[in-house]
Amino acid sequence: MPKLKTHRAAAKRFRKTAKGFKRGQSHRRHILTKKPSKRKRQLRTGMMVHKTDVDRVKQMLPHS
């Protein structure tokens, strides 16, 4: 049986937490001056990977 390798791109994008996998939020990098404060505030909260995608993320990150 060969060693299981981690998908390096997935390792940089997802973090294992107690509740599942956490992912980054888009639209928070630049051009923030034209976005309303409400939108920026709502983008601040951490996003979890959707339950339908968790199995795929687990397969890419076998050691987490």
N, C-alpha and C. Protein backbone atom coordinates (compact mmCIF):
# COMPACT_ATOMS: atom_id res chain seq x y z
N MET A 1 0.85 -1.19 0.00
CA MET A 1 0.00 0.00 0.00
C MET A 1 0.89 1.24 0.00
N PRO A 2 0.74 2.13 -0.98
CA PRO A 2 1.57 3.34 -1.01
C PRO A 2 1.16 4.34 0.07
N LYS A 3 2.05 5.24 0.36
CA LYS A 3 1.75 6.29 1.33
C LYS A 3 0.65 7.20 0.79
N LEU A 4 -0.19 7.71 1.69
CA LEU A 4 -1.22 8.66 1.30
C LEU A 4 -0.60 10.04 1.27
N LYS A 5 -0.79 10.73 0.17
CA LYS A 5 -0.24 12.07 0.05
C LYS A 5 -1.34 13.11 0.20
N THR A 6 -0.99 14.21 0.85
CA THR A 6 -1.90 15.32 1.04
C THR A 6 -1.95 16.16 -0.23
N HIS A 7 -3.13 16.57 -0.62
CA HIS A 7 -3.30 17.49 -1.76
C HIS A 7 -2.86 18.86 -1.27
N ARG A 8 -1.72 19.33 -1.76
CA ARG A 8 -1.09 20.53 -1.22
C ARG A 8 -1.94 21.78 -1.41
N ALA A 9 -2.65 21.89 -2.53
CA ALA A 9 -3.51 23.06 -2.74
C ALA A 9 -4.64 23.08 -1.73
N ALA A 10 -5.20 21.91 -1.43
CA ALA A 10 -6.28 21.83 -0.45
C ALA A 10 -5.76 22.14 0.95
N ALA A 11 -4.54 21.72 1.26
CA ALA A 11 -3.96 21.98 2.58
C ALA A 11 -3.79 23.47 2.83
N LYS A 12 -3.58 24.23 1.78
CA LYS A 12 -3.42 25.68 1.92
C LYS A 12 -4.76 26.40 2.02
N ARG A 13 -5.85 25.74 1.63
CA ARG A 13 -7.15 26.40 1.59
C ARG A 13 -8.10 26.01 2.71
N PHE A 14 -7.90 24.84 3.31
CA PHE A 14 -8.83 24.35 4.33
C PHE A 14 -8.11 24.06 5.63
N ARG A 15 -8.79 24.31 6.76
CA ARG A 15 -8.26 24.03 8.07
C ARG A 15 -9.27 23.16 8.82
N LYS A 16 -8.78 22.13 9.51
CA LYS A 16 -9.66 21.26 10.28
C LYS A 16 -10.02 21.94 11.59
N THR A 17 -11.30 21.93 11.94
CA THR A 17 -11.76 22.47 13.21
C THR A 17 -12.59 21.40 13.90
N ALA A 18 -13.07 21.70 15.10
CA ALA A 18 -13.88 20.74 15.84
C ALA A 18 -15.20 20.45 15.13
N LYS A 19 -15.73 21.45 14.41
CA LYS A 19 -17.03 21.29 13.76
C LYS A 19 -16.92 20.81 12.32
N GLY A 20 -15.73 20.77 11.75
CA GLY A 20 -15.58 20.36 10.36
C GLY A 20 -14.37 21.02 9.75
N PHE A 21 -14.52 21.57 8.54
CA PHE A 21 -13.43 22.23 7.84
C PHE A 21 -13.79 23.69 7.60
N LYS A 22 -12.84 24.56 7.85
CA LYS A 22 -13.02 25.99 7.66
C LYS A 22 -12.36 26.39 6.35
N ARG A 23 -12.96 27.34 5.65
CA ARG A 23 -12.40 27.82 4.39
C ARG A 23 -12.35 29.33 4.40
N GLY A 24 -11.61 29.89 3.47
CA GLY A 24 -11.50 31.34 3.36
C GLY A 24 -12.71 31.95 2.69
N GLN A 25 -12.86 33.24 2.85
CA GLN A 25 -13.98 33.97 2.26
C GLN A 25 -13.46 34.86 1.14
N SER A 26 -14.16 34.86 0.02
CA SER A 26 -13.75 35.69 -1.11
C SER A 26 -14.22 37.13 -0.93
N HIS A 27 -13.75 38.02 -1.78
CA HIS A 27 -14.12 39.45 -1.82
C HIS A 27 -13.64 40.23 -0.60
N ARG A 28 -12.55 39.80 0.04
CA ARG A 28 -12.06 40.51 1.21
C ARG A 28 -10.63 41.01 1.03
N ARG A 29 -10.08 40.97 -0.18
CA ARG A 29 -8.67 41.27 -0.38
C ARG A 29 -8.39 42.72 -0.77
N HIS A 30 -9.16 43.25 -1.67
CA HIS A 30 -8.87 44.60 -2.16
C HIS A 30 -10.16 45.25 -2.64
N ILE A 31 -10.07 46.52 -3.01
CA ILE A 31 -11.22 47.34 -3.42
C ILE A 31 -12.29 47.31 -2.33
N LEU A 32 -11.86 47.53 -1.09
CA LEU A 32 -12.79 47.49 0.04
C LEU A 32 -13.46 48.84 0.27
N THR A 33 -12.95 49.90 -0.33
CA THR A 33 -13.50 51.23 -0.06
C THR A 33 -14.90 51.40 -0.63
N LYS A 34 -15.21 50.71 -1.71
CA LYS A 34 -16.54 50.87 -2.32
C LYS A 34 -17.56 49.90 -1.76
N LYS A 35 -17.14 48.98 -0.90
CA LYS A 35 -18.07 48.02 -0.33
C LYS A 35 -18.65 48.57 0.97
N PRO A 36 -19.93 48.39 1.20
CA PRO A 36 -20.54 48.90 2.43
C PRO A 36 -19.99 48.20 3.67
N SER A 37 -20.04 48.90 4.78
CA SER A 37 -19.53 48.35 6.04
C SER A 37 -20.28 47.08 6.42
N LYS A 38 -21.57 47.02 6.14
CA LYS A 38 -22.36 45.83 6.47
C LYS A 38 -21.83 44.61 5.73
N ARG A 39 -21.52 44.79 4.46
CA ARG A 39 -21.02 43.67 3.66
C ARG A 39 -19.66 43.21 4.15
N LYS A 40 -18.77 44.15 4.46
CA LYS A 40 -17.44 43.80 4.95
C LYS A 40 -17.53 43.11 6.31
N ARG A 41 -18.45 43.56 7.14
CA ARG A 41 -18.64 42.95 8.46
C ARG A 41 -19.14 41.50 8.33
N GLN A 42 -20.07 41.29 7.40
CA GLN A 42 -20.59 39.94 7.21
C GLN A 42 -19.56 39.01 6.57
N LEU A 43 -18.64 39.57 5.79
CA LEU A 43 -17.59 38.75 5.18
C LEU A 43 -16.52 38.35 6.19
N ARG A 44 -16.49 39.01 7.34
CA ARG A 44 -15.46 38.76 8.34
C ARG A 44 -15.61 37.39 9.02
N THR A 45 -16.82 36.90 9.12
CA THR A 45 -17.04 35.66 9.84
C THR A 45 -16.46 34.49 9.06
N GLY A 46 -15.94 33.49 9.79
CA GLY A 46 -15.35 32.32 9.16
C GLY A 46 -16.40 31.46 8.48
N MET A 47 -16.07 30.93 7.33
CA MET A 47 -17.01 30.11 6.58
C MET A 47 -16.61 28.64 6.71
N MET A 48 -17.61 27.79 6.85
CA MET A 48 -17.37 26.36 6.93
C MET A 48 -17.61 25.74 5.55
N VAL A 49 -16.91 24.64 5.28
CA VAL A 49 -17.13 23.90 4.04
C VAL A 49 -18.52 23.28 4.10
N HIS A 50 -19.25 23.35 3.01
CA HIS A 50 -20.61 22.82 2.96
C HIS A 50 -20.60 21.30 3.18
N LYS A 51 -21.66 20.80 3.80
CA LYS A 51 -21.70 19.38 4.17
C LYS A 51 -21.60 18.45 2.96
N THR A 52 -22.02 18.91 1.80
CA THR A 52 -21.92 18.07 0.61
C THR A 52 -20.50 17.97 0.09
N ASP A 53 -19.62 18.89 0.50
CA ASP A 53 -18.23 18.88 0.03
C ASP A 53 -17.25 18.32 1.05
N VAL A 54 -17.71 18.03 2.25
CA VAL A 54 -16.81 17.59 3.32
C VAL A 54 -16.10 16.29 2.95
N ASP A 55 -16.79 15.35 2.33
CA ASP A 55 -16.16 14.08 1.97
C ASP A 55 -15.02 14.28 0.98
N ARG A 56 -15.18 15.20 0.04
CA ARG A 56 -14.11 15.47 -0.92
C ARG A 56 -12.90 16.10 -0.25
N VAL A 57 -13.16 17.00 0.69
CA VAL A 57 -12.05 17.64 1.40
C VAL A 57 -11.31 16.62 2.26
N LYS A 58 -12.06 15.73 2.91
CA LYS A 58 -11.43 14.68 3.73
C LYS A 58 -10.54 13.78 2.88
N GLN A 59 -10.98 13.51 1.66
CA GLN A 59 -10.19 12.65 0.77
C GLN A 59 -8.88 13.35 0.37
N MET A 60 -8.93 14.65 0.18
CA MET A 60 -7.73 15.39 -0.20
C MET A 60 -6.79 15.61 0.98
N LEU A 61 -7.34 15.59 2.20
CA LEU A 61 -6.54 15.81 3.41
C LEU A 61 -6.65 14.57 4.31
N PRO A 62 -5.97 13.50 3.96
CA PRO A 62 -6.15 12.24 4.69
C PRO A 62 -5.60 12.27 6.11
N HIS A 63 -4.66 13.14 6.41
CA HIS A 63 -4.02 13.13 7.72
C HIS A 63 -4.60 14.16 8.69
N SER A 64 -5.66 14.83 8.31
CA SER A 64 -6.22 15.84 9.22
C SER A 64 -7.41 15.30 9.97
